[in-house]
Amino acid sequence: MDYSLSVIIPALNEEKNITRIIDYIKNENIKAEIIVSDGNSDDLTVEKAKSKGAKVVVGKAGRGQQLNRGAQLAAAPILLFLHADSRLEKSALENLVKKMAEKENKIGGCFKLKIESEHPLLKFISWSSNLRAKYLKLIFGDQGIFIRKKVFEELGGFPELELMEDWEFSKKMAAYGELEFLENKIFTSARRWEKNGVFKTFFLMHKIKILYILGVKAKKLKKIYRDSR
């Protein structure tokens, strides 16, 4: 089968979300290959993904590594990296494929983020994240990063860091060529914000970004992130 899009989903204990995102992709009016890159889940993520017809690759946990393992299996000319707890507006994938066919100068891009919450701070974060992506060309994984496969390979894939692999990869994308910012919304769960408190999580995320800019190693940042949760 000739796929127009390969969707790579990194997963770790996502049995509650994996079937929903797979069903969404399968119901879109495009030929999409679905690849779940599992980080040795100890729940039913792998079994549920396989039951839905997705390709599954299993290996060491770590988002950068998982994304790269999934991309190695991809057969389509365009790759889309989606979080398991994300969902997209109907026809968003069709529009992605259409825009990338029309605009051959664009190498990749992202969708418009909307965190699923009415909390004022989370609404602000959604708004500011979209501005950051559009004008600073810094894209995070919850915005749905997509890229032409040949460019992905030329860039060497995602850096296999403990954290900030999406930050570094989007910088490489922006340096390589023009990006497309689709108006279709990508909705992401507010669970990570609500679990430990919205304000606490907000300040933790910004602390990690600032420390990273100042040169603190990703491995140490991962420990700070883990110990704060």
C-alpha atoms as a PDB file:
ATOM      1  CA  MET A   1       0.000   0.000   0.000  1.00  0.00           C
ATOM      2  CA  ASP A   2       1.230   3.483  -0.851  1.00  0.00           C
ATOM      3  CA  TYR A   3       0.762   5.625   2.232  1.00  0.00           C
ATOM      4  CA  SER A   4       0.515   9.396   2.042  1.00  0.00           C
ATOM      5  CA  LEU A   5       1.333   9.829   5.743  1.00  0.00           C
ATOM      6  CA  SER A   6       3.091   7.846   8.475  1.00  0.00           C
ATOM      7  CA  VAL A   7       1.880   8.693  11.988  1.00  0.00           C
ATOM      8  CA  ILE A   8       4.355   7.797  14.730  1.00  0.00           C
ATOM      9  CA  ILE A   9       3.020   7.646  18.294  1.00  0.00           C
ATOM     10  CA  PRO A  10       5.481   7.258  21.190  1.00  0.00           C
ATOM     11  CA  ALA A  11       3.788   5.476  24.061  1.00  0.00           C
ATOM     12  CA  LEU A  12       4.438   4.380  27.619  1.00  0.00           C
ATOM     13  CA  ASN A  13       1.502   2.919  29.557  1.00  0.00           C
ATOM     14  CA  GLU A  14      -1.089   4.594  27.337  1.00  0.00           C
ATOM     15  CA  GLU A  15      -3.744   1.863  27.291  1.00  0.00           C
ATOM     16  CA  LYS A  16      -6.435   4.462  28.107  1.00  0.00           C
ATOM     17  CA  ASN A  17      -5.582   6.671  25.120  1.00  0.00           C
ATOM     18  CA  ILE A  18      -4.016   4.549  22.402  1.00  0.00           C
ATOM     19  CA  THR A  19      -7.175   3.152  20.828  1.00  0.00           C
ATOM     20  CA  ARG A  20      -8.797   6.613  20.613  1.00  0.00           C
ATOM     21  CA  ILE A  21      -5.942   8.181  18.667  1.00  0.00           C
ATOM     22  CA  ILE A  22      -5.663   5.143  16.367  1.00  0.00           C
ATOM     23  CA  ASP A  23      -9.417   5.197  15.664  1.00  0.00           C
ATOM     24  CA  TYR A  24      -9.214   8.891  14.770  1.00  0.00           C
ATOM     25  CA  ILE A  25      -6.404   8.298  12.271  1.00  0.00           C
ATOM     26  CA  LYS A  26      -8.150   5.301  10.697  1.00  0.00           C
ATOM     27  CA  ASN A  27     -11.339   7.325  10.225  1.00  0.00           C
ATOM     28  CA  GLU A  28      -9.596  10.125   8.334  1.00  0.00           C
ATOM     29  CA  ASN A  29      -9.980  10.126   4.566  1.00  0.00           C
ATOM     30  CA  ILE A  30      -6.313   9.479   3.779  1.00  0.00           C
ATOM     31  CA  LYS A  31      -4.027   6.463   3.554  1.00  0.00           C
ATOM     32  CA  ALA A  32      -2.150   6.724   6.822  1.00  0.00           C
ATOM     33  CA  GLU A  33       0.298   4.254   8.262  1.00  0.00           C
ATOM     34  CA  ILE A  34       0.085   4.035  12.073  1.00  0.00           C
ATOM     35  CA  ILE A  35       3.226   3.167  14.034  1.00  0.00           C
ATOM     36  CA  VAL A  36       3.212   2.896  17.827  1.00  0.00           C
ATOM     37  CA  SER A  37       6.700   3.073  19.325  1.00  0.00           C
ATOM     38  CA  ASP A  38       6.362   1.648  22.807  1.00  0.00           C
ATOM     39  CA  GLY A  39       8.837   2.162  25.643  1.00  0.00           C
ATOM     40  CA  ASN A  40       8.302  -1.217  27.342  1.00  0.00           C
ATOM     41  CA  SER A  41       4.858  -0.494  28.763  1.00  0.00           C
ATOM     42  CA  ASP A  42       3.671  -2.736  31.577  1.00  0.00           C
ATOM     43  CA  ASP A  43      -0.017  -2.276  30.751  1.00  0.00           C
ATOM     44  CA  LEU A  44      -2.041  -3.250  27.642  1.00  0.00           C
ATOM     45  CA  THR A  45      -0.776  -0.497  25.327  1.00  0.00           C
ATOM     46  CA  VAL A  46       0.974  -2.887  22.929  1.00  0.00           C
ATOM     47  CA  GLU A  47      -1.880  -5.390  22.797  1.00  0.00           C
ATOM     48  CA  LYS A  48      -4.489  -2.684  22.179  1.00  0.00           C
ATOM     49  CA  ALA A  49      -2.395  -1.029  19.466  1.00  0.00           C
ATOM     50  CA  LYS A  50      -1.890  -4.337  17.660  1.00  0.00           C
ATOM     51  CA  SER A  51      -5.596  -5.170  17.933  1.00  0.00           C
ATOM     52  CA  LYS A  52      -6.329  -1.939  16.053  1.00  0.00           C
ATOM     53  CA  GLY A  53      -3.970  -2.861  13.230  1.00  0.00           C
ATOM     54  CA  ALA A  54      -1.109  -0.502  14.117  1.00  0.00           C
ATOM     55  CA  LYS A  55       2.508  -1.464  13.559  1.00  0.00           C
ATOM     56  CA  VAL A  56       4.271  -1.726  16.913  1.00  0.00           C
ATOM     57  CA  VAL A  57       7.956  -1.456  17.781  1.00  0.00           C
ATOM     58  CA  VAL A  58       9.106  -1.936  21.380  1.00  0.00           C
ATOM     59  CA  GLY A  59      12.342  -0.742  22.940  1.00  0.00           C
ATOM     60  CA  LYS A  60      13.952   1.340  25.638  1.00  0.00           C
ATOM     61  CA  ALA A  61      11.852   4.239  26.941  1.00  0.00           C
ATOM     62  CA  GLY A  62      12.888   7.758  25.988  1.00  0.00           C
ATOM     63  CA  ARG A  63      10.864   9.935  23.640  1.00  0.00           C
ATOM     64  CA  GLY A  64      13.695  10.785  21.218  1.00  0.00           C
ATOM     65  CA  GLN A  65      14.689   7.127  20.905  1.00  0.00           C
ATOM     66  CA  GLN A  66      11.092   6.014  20.507  1.00  0.00           C
ATOM     67  CA  LEU A  67      10.361   8.585  17.821  1.00  0.00           C
ATOM     68  CA  ASN A  68      13.443   7.557  15.864  1.00  0.00           C
ATOM     69  CA  ARG A  69      12.622   3.846  16.135  1.00  0.00           C
ATOM     70  CA  GLY A  70       9.137   4.499  14.813  1.00  0.00           C
ATOM     71  CA  ALA A  71      10.416   6.662  11.956  1.00  0.00           C
ATOM     72  CA  GLN A  72      12.748   3.865  10.834  1.00  0.00           C
ATOM     73  CA  LEU A  73       9.678   1.758  10.004  1.00  0.00           C
ATOM     74  CA  ALA A  74       7.844   4.546   8.169  1.00  0.00           C
ATOM     75  CA  ALA A  75       6.985   4.047   4.502  1.00  0.00           C
ATOM     76  CA  ALA A  76       5.243   7.365   3.702  1.00  0.00           C
ATOM     77  CA  PRO A  77       6.922  10.530   2.377  1.00  0.00           C
ATOM     78  CA  ILE A  78       5.572  12.616   5.267  1.00  0.00           C
ATOM     79  CA  LEU A  79       6.012  11.804   8.956  1.00  0.00           C
ATOM     80  CA  LEU A  80       3.738  13.052  11.744  1.00  0.00           C
ATOM     81  CA  PHE A  81       4.707  12.612  15.382  1.00  0.00           C
ATOM     82  CA  LEU A  82       1.707  12.561  17.721  1.00  0.00           C
ATOM     83  CA  HIS A  83       1.382  12.149  21.480  1.00  0.00           C
ATOM     84  CA  ALA A  84      -0.973   9.372  22.519  1.00  0.00           C
ATOM     85  CA  ASP A  85      -3.178  11.746  24.528  1.00  0.00           C
ATOM     86  CA  SER A  86      -3.615  14.205  21.645  1.00  0.00           C
ATOM     87  CA  ARG A  87      -6.582  14.501  19.326  1.00  0.00           C
ATOM     88  CA  LEU A  88      -7.100  16.547  16.186  1.00  0.00           C
ATOM     89  CA  GLU A  89      -9.925  18.347  14.445  1.00  0.00           C
ATOM     90  CA  LYS A  90     -11.657  16.306  11.800  1.00  0.00           C
ATOM     91  CA  SER A  91      -9.897  16.494   8.419  1.00  0.00           C
ATOM     92  CA  ALA A  92      -6.724  17.894   9.992  1.00  0.00           C
ATOM     93  CA  LEU A  93      -4.656  15.056   8.537  1.00  0.00           C
ATOM     94  CA  GLU A  94      -6.229  15.515   5.098  1.00  0.00           C
ATOM     95  CA  ASN A  95      -5.353  19.202   5.229  1.00  0.00           C
ATOM     96  CA  LEU A  96      -1.793  18.383   6.283  1.00  0.00           C
ATOM     97  CA  VAL A  97      -1.240  16.110   3.295  1.00  0.00           C
ATOM     98  CA  LYS A  98      -2.925  18.595   0.945  1.00  0.00           C
ATOM     99  CA  LYS A  99      -0.865  21.582   2.127  1.00  0.00           C
ATOM    100  CA  MET A 100       2.414  19.691   1.913  1.00  0.00           C
ATOM    101  CA  ALA A 101       1.563  18.634  -1.652  1.00  0.00           C
ATOM    102  CA  GLU A 102       0.684  22.204  -2.627  1.00  0.00           C
ATOM    103  CA  LYS A 103       3.670  23.839  -0.921  1.00  0.00           C
ATOM    104  CA  GLU A 104       6.716  21.903  -1.995  1.00  0.00           C
ATOM    105  CA  ASN A 105       8.992  24.526  -0.447  1.00  0.00           C
ATOM    106  CA  LYS A 106       7.724  23.699   3.063  1.00  0.00           C
ATOM    107  CA  ILE A 107       9.693  20.976   4.842  1.00  0.00           C
ATOM    108  CA  GLY A 108       7.362  20.452   7.810  1.00  0.00           C
ATOM    109  CA  GLY A 109       5.573  22.243  10.618  1.00  0.00           C
ATOM    110  CA  CYS A 110       2.872  21.812  13.250  1.00  0.00           C
ATOM    111  CA  PHE A 111      -0.779  22.332  14.169  1.00  0.00           C
ATOM    112  CA  LYS A 112      -2.443  24.968  16.366  1.00  0.00           C
ATOM    113  CA  LEU A 113      -2.352  23.882  20.003  1.00  0.00           C
ATOM    114  CA  LYS A 114      -5.383  23.891  22.296  1.00  0.00           C
ATOM    115  CA  ILE A 115      -4.995  22.462  25.806  1.00  0.00           C
ATOM    116  CA  GLU A 116      -8.293  20.863  26.820  1.00  0.00           C
ATOM    117  CA  SER A 117      -9.102  23.089  29.772  1.00  0.00           C
ATOM    118  CA  GLU A 118     -10.896  26.339  30.554  1.00  0.00           C
ATOM    119  CA  HIS A 119      -8.289  27.291  33.143  1.00  0.00           C
ATOM    120  CA  PRO A 120      -7.124  30.859  32.288  1.00  0.00           C
ATOM    121  CA  LEU A 121      -3.435  29.980  32.576  1.00  0.00           C
ATOM    122  CA  LEU A 122      -3.776  26.965  30.290  1.00  0.00           C
ATOM    123  CA  LYS A 123      -5.642  29.082  27.736  1.00  0.00           C
ATOM    124  CA  PHE A 124      -2.765  31.565  27.894  1.00  0.00           C
ATOM    125  CA  ILE A 125      -0.227  28.746  27.440  1.00  0.00           C
ATOM    126  CA  SER A 126      -2.051  27.518  24.339  1.00  0.00           C
ATOM    127  CA  TRP A 127      -2.051  31.027  22.883  1.00  0.00           C
ATOM    128  CA  SER A 128       1.582  31.757  23.697  1.00  0.00           C
ATOM    129  CA  SER A 129       2.727  28.326  22.449  1.00  0.00           C
ATOM    130  CA  ASN A 130       1.216  29.043  19.049  1.00  0.00           C
ATOM    131  CA  LEU A 131       2.913  32.448  18.881  1.00  0.00           C
ATOM    132  CA  ARG A 132       6.235  30.889  19.881  1.00  0.00           C
ATOM    133  CA  ALA A 133       5.945  28.226  17.195  1.00  0.00           C
ATOM    134  CA  LYS A 134       4.903  30.633  14.462  1.00  0.00           C
ATOM    135  CA  TYR A 135       7.329  33.461  15.118  1.00  0.00           C
ATOM    136  CA  LEU A 136      10.249  31.868  16.997  1.00  0.00           C
ATOM    137  CA  LYS A 137      10.063  28.535  15.133  1.00  0.00           C
ATOM    138  CA  LEU A 138      10.269  26.574  18.398  1.00  0.00           C
ATOM    139  CA  ILE A 139       7.834  23.660  18.306  1.00  0.00           C
ATOM    140  CA  PHE A 140       7.069  21.197  21.081  1.00  0.00           C
ATOM    141  CA  GLY A 141       5.789  17.672  20.605  1.00  0.00           C
ATOM    142  CA  ASP A 142       2.250  18.364  21.804  1.00  0.00           C
ATOM    143  CA  GLN A 143       1.781  20.597  18.729  1.00  0.00           C
ATOM    144  CA  GLY A 144       2.100  17.631  16.383  1.00  0.00           C
ATOM    145  CA  ILE A 145       5.429  17.942  14.559  1.00  0.00           C
ATOM    146  CA  PHE A 146       5.350  16.849  10.916  1.00  0.00           C
ATOM    147  CA  ILE A 147       8.194  16.694   8.396  1.00  0.00           C
ATOM    148  CA  ARG A 148       9.103  15.250   5.020  1.00  0.00           C
ATOM    149  CA  LYS A 149      10.800  11.907   5.550  1.00  0.00           C
ATOM    150  CA  LYS A 150      13.793  12.724   3.360  1.00  0.00           C
ATOM    151  CA  VAL A 151      14.432  15.897   5.398  1.00  0.00           C
ATOM    152  CA  PHE A 152      14.023  13.984   8.669  1.00  0.00           C
ATOM    153  CA  GLU A 153      16.705  11.557   7.527  1.00  0.00           C
ATOM    154  CA  GLU A 154      19.022  14.337   6.387  1.00  0.00           C
ATOM    155  CA  LEU A 155      18.671  15.999   9.798  1.00  0.00           C
ATOM    156  CA  GLY A 156      19.599  12.757  11.533  1.00  0.00           C
ATOM    157  CA  GLY A 157      16.308  12.368  13.363  1.00  0.00           C
ATOM    158  CA  PHE A 158      15.568  13.494  16.906  1.00  0.00           C
ATOM    159  CA  PRO A 159      18.464  13.937  19.331  1.00  0.00           C
ATOM    160  CA  GLU A 160      18.214  11.136  21.877  1.00  0.00           C
ATOM    161  CA  LEU A 161      18.095  13.384  24.926  1.00  0.00           C
ATOM    162  CA  GLU A 162      16.361  12.856  28.278  1.00  0.00           C
ATOM    163  CA  LEU A 163      14.318  16.032  27.657  1.00  0.00           C
ATOM    164  CA  MET A 164      14.033  18.856  25.090  1.00  0.00           C
ATOM    165  CA  GLU A 165      14.458  16.620  22.043  1.00  0.00           C
ATOM    166  CA  ASP A 166      11.560  18.400  20.335  1.00  0.00           C
ATOM    167  CA  TRP A 167      13.063  21.848  21.084  1.00  0.00           C
ATOM    168  CA  GLU A 168      16.389  20.856  19.511  1.00  0.00           C
ATOM    169  CA  PHE A 169      14.782  19.121  16.547  1.00  0.00           C
ATOM    170  CA  SER A 170      12.538  22.089  15.726  1.00  0.00           C
ATOM    171  CA  LYS A 171      15.618  24.343  15.730  1.00  0.00           C
ATOM    172  CA  LYS A 172      17.213  22.046  13.157  1.00  0.00           C
ATOM    173  CA  MET A 173      14.024  22.121  11.099  1.00  0.00           C
ATOM    174  CA  ALA A 174      13.874  25.922  11.113  1.00  0.00           C
ATOM    175  CA  ALA A 175      17.527  26.162  10.062  1.00  0.00           C
ATOM    176  CA  TYR A 176      16.938  23.717   7.206  1.00  0.00           C
ATOM    177  CA  GLY A 177      13.899  25.245   5.506  1.00  0.00           C
ATOM    178  CA  GLU A 178      10.462  26.871   5.652  1.00  0.00           C
ATOM    179  CA  LEU A 179       7.814  25.631   8.069  1.00  0.00           C
ATOM    180  CA  GLU A 180       4.036  25.426   7.714  1.00  0.00           C
ATOM    181  CA  PHE A 181       1.766  26.361  10.642  1.00  0.00           C
ATOM    182  CA  LEU A 182      -1.630  24.806  10.068  1.00  0.00           C
ATOM    183  CA  GLU A 183      -4.766  26.402  11.505  1.00  0.00           C
ATOM    184  CA  ASN A 184      -6.267  22.996  12.304  1.00  0.00           C
ATOM    185  CA  LYS A 185      -6.350  22.541  16.065  1.00  0.00           C
ATOM    186  CA  ILE A 186      -4.544  19.800  17.928  1.00  0.00           C
ATOM    187  CA  PHE A 187      -6.067  19.198  21.347  1.00  0.00           C
ATOM    188  CA  THR A 188      -3.876  17.923  24.147  1.00  0.00           C
ATOM    189  CA  SER A 189      -4.927  16.642  27.540  1.00  0.00           C
ATOM    190  CA  ALA A 190      -4.535  18.874  30.585  1.00  0.00           C
ATOM    191  CA  ARG A 191      -3.776  15.822  32.767  1.00  0.00           C
ATOM    192  CA  ARG A 192      -0.079  16.575  33.329  1.00  0.00           C
ATOM    193  CA  TRP A 193      -0.963  20.132  34.386  1.00  0.00           C
ATOM    194  CA  GLU A 194      -3.861  19.205  36.638  1.00  0.00           C
ATOM    195  CA  LYS A 195      -2.173  16.219  38.294  1.00  0.00           C
ATOM    196  CA  ASN A 196       0.381  18.310  40.187  1.00  0.00           C
ATOM    197  CA  GLY A 197      -1.284  21.718  39.996  1.00  0.00           C
ATOM    198  CA  VAL A 198      -1.463  24.074  37.037  1.00  0.00           C
ATOM    199  CA  PHE A 199       0.707  26.850  38.488  1.00  0.00           C
ATOM    200  CA  LYS A 200       3.279  24.461  39.954  1.00  0.00           C
ATOM    201  CA  THR A 201       3.626  22.667  36.619  1.00  0.00           C
ATOM    202  CA  PHE A 202       3.812  25.952  34.704  1.00  0.00           C
ATOM    203  CA  PHE A 203       6.728  27.203  36.802  1.00  0.00           C
ATOM    204  CA  LEU A 204       8.443  23.809  36.659  1.00  0.00           C
ATOM    205  CA  MET A 205       8.294  23.770  32.850  1.00  0.00           C
ATOM    206  CA  HIS A 206       9.719  27.283  32.595  1.00  0.00           C
ATOM    207  CA  LYS A 207      12.410  26.507  35.151  1.00  0.00           C
ATOM    208  CA  ILE A 208      13.527  23.554  33.029  1.00  0.00           C
ATOM    209  CA  LYS A 209      13.576  25.649  29.844  1.00  0.00           C
ATOM    210  CA  ILE A 210      15.648  28.381  31.489  1.00  0.00           C
ATOM    211  CA  LEU A 211      18.110  25.888  32.963  1.00  0.00           C
ATOM    212  CA  TYR A 212      18.427  24.203  29.570  1.00  0.00           C
ATOM    213  CA  ILE A 213      19.196  27.535  27.887  1.00  0.00           C
ATOM    214  CA  LEU A 214      21.808  28.144  30.588  1.00  0.00           C
ATOM    215  CA  GLY A 215      23.513  24.879  29.689  1.00  0.00           C
ATOM    216  CA  VAL A 216      22.257  22.387  32.263  1.00  0.00           C
ATOM    217  CA  LYS A 217      22.439  18.874  30.817  1.00  0.00           C
ATOM    218  CA  ALA A 218      19.202  17.161  29.760  1.00  0.00           C
ATOM    219  CA  LYS A 219      19.899  14.189  32.051  1.00  0.00           C
ATOM    220  CA  LYS A 220      19.981  16.454  35.112  1.00  0.00           C
ATOM    221  CA  LEU A 221      16.861  18.284  33.940  1.00  0.00           C
ATOM    222  CA  LYS A 222      15.070  14.953  33.663  1.00  0.00           C
ATOM    223  CA  LYS A 223      15.899  14.254  37.310  1.00  0.00           C
ATOM    224  CA  ILE A 224      14.608  17.700  38.334  1.00  0.00           C
ATOM    225  CA  TYR A 225      11.419  17.063  36.371  1.00  0.00           C
ATOM    226  CA  ARG A 226      10.929  13.594  37.860  1.00  0.00           C
ATOM    227  CA  ASP A 227      11.679  14.648  41.436  1.00  0.00           C
ATOM    228  CA  SER A 228       9.228  17.561  41.224  1.00  0.00           C
ATOM    229  CA  ARG A 229       6.277  15.374  40.251  1.00  0.00           C
END
